[in-house]
C-alpha atoms as a PDB file:
ATOM      1  CA  MET A   1      -6.931 -84.262  27.600  1.00  0.00           C
ATOM      2  CA  SER A   2      -4.114 -84.328  30.171  1.00  0.00           C
ATOM      3  CA  GLU A   3      -2.231 -81.138  31.035  1.00  0.00           C
ATOM      4  CA  PRO A   4       1.117 -82.284  29.514  1.00  0.00           C
ATOM      5  CA  ARG A   5      -0.687 -83.250  26.317  1.00  0.00           C
ATOM      6  CA  LYS A   6      -2.406 -79.858  26.185  1.00  0.00           C
ATOM      7  CA  ILE A   7       0.960 -78.144  26.514  1.00  0.00           C
ATOM      8  CA  ILE A   8       2.478 -80.292  23.770  1.00  0.00           C
ATOM      9  CA  MET A   9      -0.454 -79.623  21.427  1.00  0.00           C
ATOM     10  CA  THR A  10      -0.269 -75.888  22.143  1.00  0.00           C
ATOM     11  CA  LEU A  11       3.460 -75.797  21.416  1.00  0.00           C
ATOM     12  CA  LEU A  12       2.946 -77.854  18.272  1.00  0.00           C
ATOM     13  CA  GLY A  13       0.268 -75.446  17.113  1.00  0.00           C
ATOM     14  CA  MET A  14       2.577 -72.485  17.727  1.00  0.00           C
ATOM     15  CA  PHE A  15       5.376 -74.211  15.842  1.00  0.00           C
ATOM     16  CA  MET A  16       3.142 -74.923  12.847  1.00  0.00           C
ATOM     17  CA  THR A  17       1.954 -71.316  12.768  1.00  0.00           C
ATOM     18  CA  VAL A  18       5.524 -69.985  12.823  1.00  0.00           C
ATOM     19  CA  ALA A  19       6.589 -72.546  10.206  1.00  0.00           C
ATOM     20  CA  THR A  20       3.724 -71.547   7.937  1.00  0.00           C
ATOM     21  CA  ILE A  21       4.595 -67.858   8.221  1.00  0.00           C
ATOM     22  CA  PHE A  22       8.265 -68.628   7.551  1.00  0.00           C
ATOM     23  CA  PHE A  23       7.404 -70.763   4.526  1.00  0.00           C
ATOM     24  CA  CYS A  24       5.133 -68.124   3.023  1.00  0.00           C
ATOM     25  CA  CYS A  25       7.707 -65.385   3.573  1.00  0.00           C
ATOM     26  CA  TYR A  26      10.788 -67.338   2.547  1.00  0.00           C
ATOM     27  CA  PHE A  27       9.382 -69.138  -0.457  1.00  0.00           C
ATOM     28  CA  SER A  28       8.040 -66.515  -2.810  1.00  0.00           C
ATOM     29  CA  SER A  29       6.250 -67.416  -6.007  1.00  0.00           C
ATOM     30  CA  ASP A  30       7.443 -64.216  -7.632  1.00  0.00           C
ATOM     31  CA  PRO A  31       9.720 -65.378 -10.456  1.00  0.00           C
ATOM     32  CA  ASP A  32      13.198 -64.154 -11.210  1.00  0.00           C
ATOM     33  CA  HIS A  33      12.296 -61.564 -13.844  1.00  0.00           C
ATOM     34  CA  SER A  34      15.852 -61.481 -15.134  1.00  0.00           C
ATOM     35  CA  LYS A  35      15.370 -65.162 -15.957  1.00  0.00           C
ATOM     36  CA  TYR A  36      11.729 -65.069 -17.089  1.00  0.00           C
ATOM     37  CA  THR A  37      11.294 -61.918 -19.144  1.00  0.00           C
ATOM     38  CA  VAL A  38       8.120 -62.859 -21.041  1.00  0.00           C
ATOM     39  CA  TRP A  39       4.952 -62.601 -18.999  1.00  0.00           C
ATOM     40  CA  GLY A  40       1.220 -62.563 -19.540  1.00  0.00           C
ATOM     41  CA  VAL A  41      -2.239 -62.975 -18.051  1.00  0.00           C
ATOM     42  CA  ASP A  42      -5.192 -65.301 -18.055  1.00  0.00           C
ATOM     43  CA  VAL A  43      -8.689 -63.857 -17.889  1.00  0.00           C
ATOM     44  CA  SER A  44     -12.357 -64.740 -17.840  1.00  0.00           C
ATOM     45  CA  ASN A  45     -15.688 -62.957 -17.572  1.00  0.00           C
ATOM     46  CA  TYR A  46     -14.751 -62.062 -13.980  1.00  0.00           C
ATOM     47  CA  GLN A  47     -12.374 -59.357 -15.262  1.00  0.00           C
ATOM     48  CA  GLY A  48     -15.337 -57.749 -17.018  1.00  0.00           C
ATOM     49  CA  LEU A  49     -14.691 -55.283 -19.821  1.00  0.00           C
ATOM     50  CA  ILE A  50     -10.981 -55.371 -20.664  1.00  0.00           C
ATOM     51  CA  ASP A  51      -9.087 -52.616 -22.435  1.00  0.00           C
ATOM     52  CA  TRP A  52      -6.495 -54.785 -24.154  1.00  0.00           C
ATOM     53  CA  HIS A  53      -4.487 -51.803 -25.319  1.00  0.00           C
ATOM     54  CA  LYS A  54      -3.941 -50.829 -21.675  1.00  0.00           C
ATOM     55  CA  LEU A  55      -2.721 -54.339 -20.878  1.00  0.00           C
ATOM     56  CA  GLU A  56      -0.419 -54.094 -23.888  1.00  0.00           C
ATOM     57  CA  GLU A  57       0.961 -50.835 -22.441  1.00  0.00           C
ATOM     58  CA  GLN A  58       1.950 -52.790 -19.325  1.00  0.00           C
ATOM     59  CA  ASN A  59       4.113 -55.150 -21.418  1.00  0.00           C
ATOM     60  CA  VAL A  60       1.704 -58.081 -21.360  1.00  0.00           C
ATOM     61  CA  SER A  61       3.049 -60.424 -24.054  1.00  0.00           C
ATOM     62  CA  PHE A  62       0.425 -63.160 -24.036  1.00  0.00           C
ATOM     63  CA  ALA A  63      -3.081 -63.883 -22.796  1.00  0.00           C
ATOM     64  CA  PHE A  64      -5.067 -67.016 -22.109  1.00  0.00           C
ATOM     65  CA  ILE A  65      -8.772 -66.254 -22.472  1.00  0.00           C
ATOM     66  CA  LYS A  66     -11.458 -68.448 -20.980  1.00  0.00           C
ATOM     67  CA  ALA A  67     -13.697 -69.841 -23.705  1.00  0.00           C
ATOM     68  CA  THR A  68     -15.744 -72.763 -22.433  1.00  0.00           C
ATOM     69  CA  GLU A  69     -16.508 -75.271 -19.700  1.00  0.00           C
ATOM     70  CA  GLY A  70     -17.610 -78.855 -20.154  1.00  0.00           C
ATOM     71  CA  SER A  71     -20.068 -79.600 -22.934  1.00  0.00           C
ATOM     72  CA  GLY A  72     -22.363 -76.616 -22.658  1.00  0.00           C
ATOM     73  CA  HIS A  73     -21.016 -73.560 -20.869  1.00  0.00           C
ATOM     74  CA  ILE A  74     -19.574 -70.602 -22.814  1.00  0.00           C
ATOM     75  CA  ASP A  75     -17.816 -67.735 -21.052  1.00  0.00           C
ATOM     76  CA  GLU A  76     -19.832 -64.575 -21.596  1.00  0.00           C
ATOM     77  CA  SER A  77     -16.781 -62.490 -22.492  1.00  0.00           C
ATOM     78  CA  ALA A  78     -15.014 -65.044 -24.686  1.00  0.00           C
ATOM     79  CA  ARG A  79     -15.934 -63.637 -28.081  1.00  0.00           C
ATOM     80  CA  ARG A  80     -15.365 -60.024 -27.107  1.00  0.00           C
ATOM     81  CA  ASN A  81     -11.985 -60.796 -25.556  1.00  0.00           C
ATOM     82  CA  LEU A  82     -10.801 -62.836 -28.522  1.00  0.00           C
ATOM     83  CA  GLU A  83     -11.804 -60.111 -30.967  1.00  0.00           C
ATOM     84  CA  LYS A  84     -10.411 -57.195 -28.954  1.00  0.00           C
ATOM     85  CA  VAL A  85      -7.080 -58.798 -28.061  1.00  0.00           C
ATOM     86  CA  ALA A  86      -6.552 -59.413 -31.776  1.00  0.00           C
ATOM     87  CA  GLU A  87      -6.299 -55.634 -32.204  1.00  0.00           C
ATOM     88  CA  THR A  88      -3.072 -55.659 -30.186  1.00  0.00           C
ATOM     89  CA  SER A  89       0.321 -57.351 -30.415  1.00  0.00           C
ATOM     90  CA  ILE A  90      -0.547 -59.650 -27.489  1.00  0.00           C
ATOM     91  CA  LYS A  91      -0.291 -63.321 -28.435  1.00  0.00           C
ATOM     92  CA  LYS A  92      -3.504 -65.130 -27.570  1.00  0.00           C
ATOM     93  CA  SER A  93      -4.853 -68.522 -26.667  1.00  0.00           C
ATOM     94  CA  ALA A  94      -8.171 -69.704 -25.248  1.00  0.00           C
ATOM     95  CA  TYR A  95      -8.751 -72.231 -22.510  1.00  0.00           C
ATOM     96  CA  HIS A  96     -11.403 -74.831 -21.802  1.00  0.00           C
ATOM     97  CA  PHE A  97     -12.305 -75.894 -18.259  1.00  0.00           C
ATOM     98  CA  PHE A  98     -12.275 -79.687 -18.308  1.00  0.00           C
ATOM     99  CA  SER A  99     -15.257 -81.654 -17.008  1.00  0.00           C
ATOM    100  CA  PHE A 100     -14.932 -85.138 -15.539  1.00  0.00           C
ATOM    101  CA  ASP A 101     -18.669 -85.544 -16.139  1.00  0.00           C
ATOM    102  CA  SER A 102     -19.192 -85.317 -19.912  1.00  0.00           C
ATOM    103  CA  SER A 103     -17.605 -86.811 -22.994  1.00  0.00           C
ATOM    104  CA  GLY A 104     -14.430 -85.467 -24.539  1.00  0.00           C
ATOM    105  CA  GLU A 105     -16.100 -85.344 -27.932  1.00  0.00           C
ATOM    106  CA  THR A 106     -18.887 -83.010 -26.827  1.00  0.00           C
ATOM    107  CA  GLN A 107     -16.459 -80.857 -24.853  1.00  0.00           C
ATOM    108  CA  ALA A 108     -14.338 -80.450 -27.978  1.00  0.00           C
ATOM    109  CA  GLU A 109     -17.450 -79.493 -29.953  1.00  0.00           C
ATOM    110  CA  ASN A 110     -18.301 -76.841 -27.386  1.00  0.00           C
ATOM    111  CA  TYR A 111     -14.827 -75.289 -27.595  1.00  0.00           C
ATOM    112  CA  ILE A 112     -14.724 -75.401 -31.387  1.00  0.00           C
ATOM    113  CA  SER A 113     -18.106 -73.673 -31.562  1.00  0.00           C
ATOM    114  CA  VAL A 114     -16.570 -70.633 -29.844  1.00  0.00           C
ATOM    115  CA  VAL A 115     -12.933 -70.426 -30.965  1.00  0.00           C
ATOM    116  CA  GLY A 116     -12.185 -69.958 -34.651  1.00  0.00           C
ATOM    117  CA  LYS A 117      -9.891 -72.399 -36.423  1.00  0.00           C
ATOM    118  CA  ASN A 118      -7.270 -69.772 -37.257  1.00  0.00           C
ATOM    119  CA  GLU A 119      -7.866 -67.492 -34.298  1.00  0.00           C
ATOM    120  CA  LEU A 120      -5.136 -68.632 -31.931  1.00  0.00           C
ATOM    121  CA  ASP A 121      -1.453 -67.684 -31.817  1.00  0.00           C
ATOM    122  CA  ILE A 122      -0.751 -70.093 -28.960  1.00  0.00           C
ATOM    123  CA  PRO A 123      -2.268 -73.613 -28.915  1.00  0.00           C
ATOM    124  CA  PRO A 124      -5.619 -74.235 -27.223  1.00  0.00           C
ATOM    125  CA  VAL A 125      -5.535 -75.058 -23.521  1.00  0.00           C
ATOM    126  CA  ILE A 126      -7.324 -77.690 -21.456  1.00  0.00           C
ATOM    127  CA  ASP A 127      -7.612 -76.628 -17.813  1.00  0.00           C
ATOM    128  CA  ILE A 128      -7.740 -79.748 -15.627  1.00  0.00           C
ATOM    129  CA  GLU A 129      -8.335 -79.201 -11.935  1.00  0.00           C
ATOM    130  CA  TYR A 130     -10.594 -80.427  -9.171  1.00  0.00           C
ATOM    131  CA  TYR A 131     -14.013 -78.804  -8.790  1.00  0.00           C
ATOM    132  CA  ALA A 132     -17.071 -79.364  -6.614  1.00  0.00           C
ATOM    133  CA  ASP A 133     -16.468 -82.621  -4.712  1.00  0.00           C
ATOM    134  CA  LYS A 134     -13.823 -84.018  -7.067  1.00  0.00           C
ATOM    135  CA  LYS A 135     -10.962 -83.394  -4.654  1.00  0.00           C
ATOM    136  CA  SER A 136     -12.573 -85.555  -1.973  1.00  0.00           C
ATOM    137  CA  ASN A 137     -14.069 -87.998  -4.498  1.00  0.00           C
ATOM    138  CA  LYS A 138     -11.307 -88.235  -7.064  1.00  0.00           C
ATOM    139  CA  PRO A 139     -12.291 -89.760 -10.421  1.00  0.00           C
ATOM    140  CA  ALA A 140     -10.245 -92.787 -11.432  1.00  0.00           C
ATOM    141  CA  PRO A 141      -7.323 -91.967 -13.760  1.00  0.00           C
ATOM    142  CA  GLU A 142      -8.583 -94.436 -16.369  1.00  0.00           C
ATOM    143  CA  ASP A 143     -12.025 -92.790 -16.397  1.00  0.00           C
ATOM    144  CA  ALA A 144     -10.488 -89.336 -16.798  1.00  0.00           C
ATOM    145  CA  GLU A 145      -8.289 -90.593 -19.637  1.00  0.00           C
ATOM    146  CA  LYS A 146     -11.341 -91.805 -21.568  1.00  0.00           C
ATOM    147  CA  ILE A 147     -12.613 -88.225 -21.574  1.00  0.00           C
ATOM    148  CA  LEU A 148      -9.356 -86.299 -21.840  1.00  0.00           C
ATOM    149  CA  ARG A 149      -7.774 -88.223 -24.702  1.00  0.00           C
ATOM    150  CA  PRO A 150     -10.489 -87.645 -27.328  1.00  0.00           C
ATOM    151  CA  LEU A 151     -10.789 -84.026 -26.210  1.00  0.00           C
ATOM    152  CA  LEU A 152      -7.080 -83.406 -26.755  1.00  0.00           C
ATOM    153  CA  GLU A 153      -6.972 -85.363 -30.003  1.00  0.00           C
ATOM    154  CA  ASN A 154     -10.020 -83.635 -31.480  1.00  0.00           C
ATOM    155  CA  LEU A 155      -8.654 -80.194 -30.689  1.00  0.00           C
ATOM    156  CA  GLU A 156      -5.249 -81.059 -32.123  1.00  0.00           C
ATOM    157  CA  GLU A 157      -6.835 -82.342 -35.307  1.00  0.00           C
ATOM    158  CA  TYR A 158      -9.023 -79.255 -35.711  1.00  0.00           C
ATOM    159  CA  TYR A 159      -6.497 -76.547 -34.840  1.00  0.00           C
ATOM    160  CA  GLY A 160      -3.381 -78.282 -36.130  1.00  0.00           C
ATOM    161  CA  MET A 161      -1.566 -77.634 -32.834  1.00  0.00           C
ATOM    162  CA  LYS A 162      -0.874 -79.889 -29.878  1.00  0.00           C
ATOM    163  CA  PRO A 163      -2.971 -78.519 -26.989  1.00  0.00           C
ATOM    164  CA  ILE A 164      -1.450 -77.239 -23.776  1.00  0.00           C
ATOM    165  CA  ILE A 165      -2.512 -78.770 -20.467  1.00  0.00           C
ATOM    166  CA  TYR A 166      -3.010 -76.412 -17.514  1.00  0.00           C
ATOM    167  CA  THR A 167      -3.048 -78.043 -14.106  1.00  0.00           C
ATOM    168  CA  THR A 168      -1.814 -78.140 -10.527  1.00  0.00           C
ATOM    169  CA  PHE A 169       0.899 -80.466  -9.264  1.00  0.00           C
ATOM    170  CA  PRO A 170      -1.464 -82.964  -7.520  1.00  0.00           C
ATOM    171  CA  VAL A 171      -3.688 -83.217 -10.582  1.00  0.00           C
ATOM    172  CA  TYR A 172      -0.644 -83.492 -12.847  1.00  0.00           C
ATOM    173  CA  MET A 173       0.646 -86.426 -10.830  1.00  0.00           C
ATOM    174  CA  ARG A 174      -2.705 -88.236 -10.860  1.00  0.00           C
ATOM    175  CA  TYR A 175      -4.001 -87.609 -14.379  1.00  0.00           C
ATOM    176  CA  VAL A 176      -1.303 -86.154 -16.634  1.00  0.00           C
ATOM    177  CA  ARG A 177       2.176 -87.444 -15.813  1.00  0.00           C
ATOM    178  CA  LYS A 178       1.701 -91.073 -16.893  1.00  0.00           C
ATOM    179  CA  ASN A 179      -0.202 -90.742 -20.155  1.00  0.00           C
ATOM    180  CA  PHE A 180      -0.084 -87.087 -21.213  1.00  0.00           C
ATOM    181  CA  SER A 181       3.384 -85.830 -20.271  1.00  0.00           C
ATOM    182  CA  ASP A 182       4.180 -85.301 -23.962  1.00  0.00           C
ATOM    183  CA  TYR A 183       1.758 -82.354 -24.046  1.00  0.00           C
ATOM    184  CA  PRO A 184       3.044 -78.842 -23.327  1.00  0.00           C
ATOM    185  CA  LEU A 185       2.463 -77.971 -19.678  1.00  0.00           C
ATOM    186  CA  TRP A 186       1.125 -74.805 -18.090  1.00  0.00           C
ATOM    187  CA  ILE A 187       1.578 -75.364 -14.375  1.00  0.00           C
ATOM    188  CA  ARG A 188      -0.035 -73.480 -11.501  1.00  0.00           C
ATOM    189  CA  ASN A 189       2.022 -72.934  -8.346  1.00  0.00           C
ATOM    190  CA  VAL A 190       1.564 -69.718  -6.404  1.00  0.00           C
ATOM    191  CA  ASN A 191       3.959 -70.751  -3.613  1.00  0.00           C
ATOM    192  CA  ILE A 192       7.249 -71.665  -5.253  1.00  0.00           C
ATOM    193  CA  GLU A 193       8.815 -72.064  -8.680  1.00  0.00           C
ATOM    194  CA  PRO A 194       7.975 -75.512 -10.084  1.00  0.00           C
ATOM    195  CA  ASP A 195      11.052 -77.583 -10.844  1.00  0.00           C
ATOM    196  CA  LEU A 196       9.834 -81.180 -10.833  1.00  0.00           C
ATOM    197  CA  MET A 197       8.641 -81.214 -14.438  1.00  0.00           C
ATOM    198  CA  ASP A 198       9.235 -79.469 -17.739  1.00  0.00           C
ATOM    199  CA  TRP A 199       6.815 -76.600 -18.187  1.00  0.00           C
ATOM    200  CA  LYS A 200       6.027 -74.129 -20.943  1.00  0.00           C
ATOM    201  CA  PHE A 201       4.081 -71.591 -18.864  1.00  0.00           C
ATOM    202  CA  TRP A 202       3.887 -71.011 -15.123  1.00  0.00           C
ATOM    203  CA  GLN A 203       0.965 -69.338 -13.344  1.00  0.00           C
ATOM    204  CA  TYR A 204       2.821 -67.848 -10.411  1.00  0.00           C
ATOM    205  CA  CYS A 205       0.267 -65.382  -9.044  1.00  0.00           C
ATOM    206  CA  ASP A 206      -3.511 -65.247  -8.676  1.00  0.00           C
ATOM    207  CA  LYS A 207      -3.535 -61.872  -6.928  1.00  0.00           C
ATOM    208  CA  GLY A 208      -2.017 -59.669  -9.607  1.00  0.00           C
ATOM    209  CA  GLU A 209      -3.313 -56.132 -10.044  1.00  0.00           C
ATOM    210  CA  LEU A 210      -3.048 -54.280 -13.357  1.00  0.00           C
ATOM    211  CA  TYR A 211      -5.087 -51.443 -14.811  1.00  0.00           C
ATOM    212  CA  GLY A 212      -7.418 -51.780 -17.761  1.00  0.00           C
ATOM    213  CA  TYR A 213     -10.312 -54.005 -16.634  1.00  0.00           C
ATOM    214  CA  THR A 214     -13.530 -53.214 -14.800  1.00  0.00           C
ATOM    215  CA  GLY A 215     -15.024 -56.518 -13.648  1.00  0.00           C
ATOM    216  CA  GLU A 216     -16.132 -57.660 -10.210  1.00  0.00           C
ATOM    217  CA  GLU A 217     -12.738 -59.359  -9.753  1.00  0.00           C
ATOM    218  CA  LYS A 218      -9.999 -56.837  -8.936  1.00  0.00           C
ATOM    219  CA  TYR A 219      -7.239 -59.427  -9.313  1.00  0.00           C
ATOM    220  CA  ILE A 220      -5.794 -60.949 -12.459  1.00  0.00           C
ATOM    221  CA  ASP A 221      -3.689 -64.102 -12.834  1.00  0.00           C
ATOM    222  CA  LEU A 222      -0.055 -63.606 -13.855  1.00  0.00           C
ATOM    223  CA  ASN A 223       2.108 -66.069 -15.791  1.00  0.00           C
ATOM    224  CA  VAL A 224       5.558 -66.376 -17.305  1.00  0.00           C
ATOM    225  CA  TYR A 225       6.899 -68.199 -20.332  1.00  0.00           C
ATOM    226  CA  ASN A 226       9.832 -70.555 -19.877  1.00  0.00           C
ATOM    227  CA  GLY A 227      12.230 -68.966 -22.324  1.00  0.00           C
ATOM    228  CA  THR A 228      13.511 -65.753 -23.844  1.00  0.00           C
ATOM    229  CA  ILE A 229      11.489 -63.294 -25.897  1.00  0.00           C
ATOM    230  CA  GLU A 230      13.338 -64.524 -28.978  1.00  0.00           C
ATOM    231  CA  GLN A 231      12.309 -68.117 -28.235  1.00  0.00           C
ATOM    232  CA  PHE A 232       8.751 -67.024 -27.515  1.00  0.00           C
ATOM    233  CA  LEU A 233       8.367 -65.158 -30.821  1.00  0.00           C
ATOM    234  CA  ALA A 234       9.974 -68.011 -32.741  1.00  0.00           C
ATOM    235  CA  GLU A 235       7.622 -70.557 -31.156  1.00  0.00           C
ATOM    236  CA  PHE A 236       4.526 -68.374 -31.501  1.00  0.00           C
ATOM    237  CA  PRO A 237       5.157 -66.140 -34.547  1.00  0.00           C
END
């Protein structure tokens, strides 16, 4: 590489580093809490044993609890979390990690085997994101739809509530926007407030720290509801 080119590449690298630091400092994912006053958590077995009363003390209004993955996996803490959170005023839902590799029907069966028909205050959630090599080998949208549609429809029929879709912006654009934008959206963006789509919940932080859980994971995901407490309680009585 020639000397001028080395200098240019060095300066470009310095510029990108400064720009990245500026972006991370200037654009905060922390929401305007005067605007979004209803907040909650999402948890899995990684948070270990959870004292839900202690989370309630910290003004947690809602919780999304991991239930299942694909057609066979069940989160080890799902039943305990669903039963213990019911002893508090925290509104609860349960989420299913979507698999691109098994049928929607069997995934729905797996979820239903864990989560009781009348156990949820907030609709069931399908978590759609890339895993393993899916980001570099993206499944075709039409193939994903063949799995996702029966999964969503079967859960809606069983629970009597239209499921919520949790996803990231890239996955939303590829798999959700065209054919499933009529489903309530729980969007993940830990860099900046999402404003390119209508959303019901926003996961704004994956490095939250509360007290009341003893698992191997010290962090807990934080979320807000897009509305007032009055709207939240009216929508999820």
